[in-house]
Amino acid sequence: MATGELACTYASLILHDDGIDVIADKISTLVKTANLNIESYWPSLFAKLCQNKNIDDLFMNASVGGSAAVPMAVSASASAAGGAIQAAPETEE
């Protein structure tokens, strides 16, 4: 993730959390306050995204579909370690 993208993401989250309108000028101000140099197009892109979307819905749906990778990663690391790390046994319902 690019520095500008990450900086604007955090700035947008801060503004939303404080109940302030997420607009390009305020995003730019927060990024400049953090002494970060980013491309000038990032704040306006994030402001447009936040205008058209409900930010709370973006947070609530951020983890949808991503949970299947965790058990596979545990299984892969257990087999890669030669069985030294074992996955938790599955419980029957």
C-alpha atoms as a PDB file:
ATOM      1  CA  MET A   1       0.000   0.000   0.000  1.00  0.00           C
ATOM      2  CA  ALA A   2       1.359   3.407  -0.957  1.00  0.00           C
ATOM      3  CA  THR A   3       2.224   5.914   1.755  1.00  0.00           C
ATOM      4  CA  GLY A   4      -0.307   8.393   0.407  1.00  0.00           C
ATOM      5  CA  GLU A   5      -3.050   5.802   0.371  1.00  0.00           C
ATOM      6  CA  LEU A   6      -2.332   4.676   3.915  1.00  0.00           C
ATOM      7  CA  ALA A   7      -2.032   8.237   5.224  1.00  0.00           C
ATOM      8  CA  CYS A   8      -5.368   9.220   3.670  1.00  0.00           C
ATOM      9  CA  THR A   9      -7.004   6.074   5.003  1.00  0.00           C
ATOM     10  CA  TYR A  10      -5.984   6.922   8.555  1.00  0.00           C
ATOM     11  CA  ALA A  11      -6.880  10.585   8.121  1.00  0.00           C
ATOM     12  CA  SER A  12     -10.344   9.616   6.848  1.00  0.00           C
ATOM     13  CA  LEU A  13     -10.838   7.294   9.805  1.00  0.00           C
ATOM     14  CA  ILE A  14      -9.791   9.991  12.262  1.00  0.00           C
ATOM     15  CA  LEU A  15     -12.166  12.524  10.734  1.00  0.00           C
ATOM     16  CA  HIS A  16     -15.050  10.063  10.669  1.00  0.00           C
ATOM     17  CA  ASP A  17     -14.403   8.977  14.255  1.00  0.00           C
ATOM     18  CA  ASP A  18     -14.466  12.602  15.411  1.00  0.00           C
ATOM     19  CA  GLY A  19     -17.714  13.245  13.551  1.00  0.00           C
ATOM     20  CA  ILE A  20     -16.110  15.698  11.117  1.00  0.00           C
ATOM     21  CA  ASP A  21     -17.048  15.719   7.439  1.00  0.00           C
ATOM     22  CA  VAL A  22     -14.469  13.802   5.429  1.00  0.00           C
ATOM     23  CA  ILE A  23     -13.408  16.289   2.774  1.00  0.00           C
ATOM     24  CA  ALA A  24     -10.174  16.657   0.816  1.00  0.00           C
ATOM     25  CA  ASP A  25      -9.026  19.817   2.636  1.00  0.00           C
ATOM     26  CA  LYS A  26      -9.331  18.222   6.058  1.00  0.00           C
ATOM     27  CA  ILE A  27      -7.600  15.036   4.911  1.00  0.00           C
ATOM     28  CA  SER A  28      -4.750  17.138   3.484  1.00  0.00           C
ATOM     29  CA  THR A  29      -4.480  19.092   6.721  1.00  0.00           C
ATOM     30  CA  LEU A  30      -4.151  15.944   8.818  1.00  0.00           C
ATOM     31  CA  VAL A  31      -1.577  14.449   6.451  1.00  0.00           C
ATOM     32  CA  LYS A  32       0.490  17.660   6.445  1.00  0.00           C
ATOM     33  CA  THR A  33       0.245  17.830  10.249  1.00  0.00           C
ATOM     34  CA  ALA A  34       1.768  14.351  10.350  1.00  0.00           C
ATOM     35  CA  ASN A  35       4.681  15.663   8.233  1.00  0.00           C
ATOM     36  CA  LEU A  36       3.964  13.300   5.354  1.00  0.00           C
ATOM     37  CA  ASN A  37       4.493  14.196   1.726  1.00  0.00           C
ATOM     38  CA  ILE A  38       1.942  12.563  -0.552  1.00  0.00           C
ATOM     39  CA  GLU A  39       0.692  13.038  -4.069  1.00  0.00           C
ATOM     40  CA  SER A  40      -1.981  15.725  -4.315  1.00  0.00           C
ATOM     41  CA  TYR A  41      -4.634  13.416  -5.800  1.00  0.00           C
ATOM     42  CA  TRP A  42      -4.965  11.085  -2.789  1.00  0.00           C
ATOM     43  CA  PRO A  43      -7.049  13.346  -0.503  1.00  0.00           C
ATOM     44  CA  SER A  44      -9.609  14.099  -3.209  1.00  0.00           C
ATOM     45  CA  LEU A  45      -9.942  10.404  -4.091  1.00  0.00           C
ATOM     46  CA  PHE A  46     -10.614   9.472  -0.493  1.00  0.00           C
ATOM     47  CA  ALA A  47     -13.030  12.365  -0.028  1.00  0.00           C
ATOM     48  CA  LYS A  48     -15.024  11.181  -3.061  1.00  0.00           C
ATOM     49  CA  LEU A  49     -15.052   7.634  -1.724  1.00  0.00           C
ATOM     50  CA  CYS A  50     -16.316   8.756   1.664  1.00  0.00           C
ATOM     51  CA  GLN A  51     -19.038  10.938   0.131  1.00  0.00           C
ATOM     52  CA  ASN A  52     -20.575   8.043  -1.778  1.00  0.00           C
ATOM     53  CA  LYS A  53     -20.256   5.343   0.878  1.00  0.00           C
ATOM     54  CA  ASN A  54     -21.314   4.874   4.447  1.00  0.00           C
ATOM     55  CA  ILE A  55     -17.994   4.504   6.243  1.00  0.00           C
ATOM     56  CA  ASP A  56     -19.537   2.447   9.047  1.00  0.00           C
ATOM     57  CA  ASP A  57     -20.756  -0.082   6.458  1.00  0.00           C
ATOM     58  CA  LEU A  58     -17.264  -0.275   4.976  1.00  0.00           C
ATOM     59  CA  PHE A  59     -15.887  -1.221   8.397  1.00  0.00           C
ATOM     60  CA  MET A  60     -18.575  -3.747   9.146  1.00  0.00           C
ATOM     61  CA  ASN A  61     -18.084  -5.506   5.799  1.00  0.00           C
ATOM     62  CA  ALA A  62     -14.283  -5.358   5.742  1.00  0.00           C
ATOM     63  CA  SER A  63     -13.883  -8.849   7.184  1.00  0.00           C
ATOM     64  CA  VAL A  64     -16.586 -10.563   5.131  1.00  0.00           C
ATOM     65  CA  GLY A  65     -15.130 -13.399   3.102  1.00  0.00           C
ATOM     66  CA  GLY A  66     -11.676 -13.250   4.628  1.00  0.00           C
ATOM     67  CA  SER A  67     -12.082 -15.727   7.472  1.00  0.00           C
ATOM     68  CA  ALA A  68     -11.498 -18.874   5.401  1.00  0.00           C
ATOM     69  CA  ALA A  69      -7.815 -18.059   4.907  1.00  0.00           C
ATOM     70  CA  VAL A  70      -6.965 -18.291   8.619  1.00  0.00           C
ATOM     71  CA  PRO A  71      -7.549 -22.049   9.086  1.00  0.00           C
ATOM     72  CA  MET A  72      -5.726 -22.767   5.849  1.00  0.00           C
ATOM     73  CA  ALA A  73      -2.757 -20.714   7.015  1.00  0.00           C
ATOM     74  CA  VAL A  74      -2.663 -22.609  10.313  1.00  0.00           C
ATOM     75  CA  SER A  75      -2.758 -25.933   8.494  1.00  0.00           C
ATOM     76  CA  ALA A  76      -0.033 -24.866   6.089  1.00  0.00           C
ATOM     77  CA  SER A  77       2.242 -23.667   8.866  1.00  0.00           C
ATOM     78  CA  ALA A  78       1.646 -26.846  10.872  1.00  0.00           C
ATOM     79  CA  SER A  79       2.616 -29.064   7.968  1.00  0.00           C
ATOM     80  CA  ALA A  80       5.584 -26.852   7.108  1.00  0.00           C
ATOM     81  CA  ALA A  81       6.887 -27.132  10.659  1.00  0.00           C
ATOM     82  CA  GLY A  82       6.940 -30.897  10.426  1.00  0.00           C
ATOM     83  CA  GLY A  83       3.949 -31.319  12.686  1.00  0.00           C
ATOM     84  CA  ALA A  84       5.525 -29.451  15.599  1.00  0.00           C
ATOM     85  CA  ILE A  85       2.653 -26.988  15.526  1.00  0.00           C
ATOM     86  CA  GLN A  86      -0.714 -28.658  15.537  1.00  0.00           C
ATOM     87  CA  ALA A  87      -4.012 -27.031  14.692  1.00  0.00           C
ATOM     88  CA  ALA A  88      -6.721 -27.067  17.350  1.00  0.00           C
ATOM     89  CA  PRO A  89      -8.997 -30.114  17.066  1.00  0.00           C
ATOM     90  CA  GLU A  90     -12.347 -29.485  15.509  1.00  0.00           C
ATOM     91  CA  THR A  91     -15.339 -29.800  17.795  1.00  0.00           C
ATOM     92  CA  GLU A  92     -18.453 -31.659  16.737  1.00  0.00           C
ATOM     93  CA  GLU A  93     -21.723 -29.802  16.807  1.00  0.00           C
END
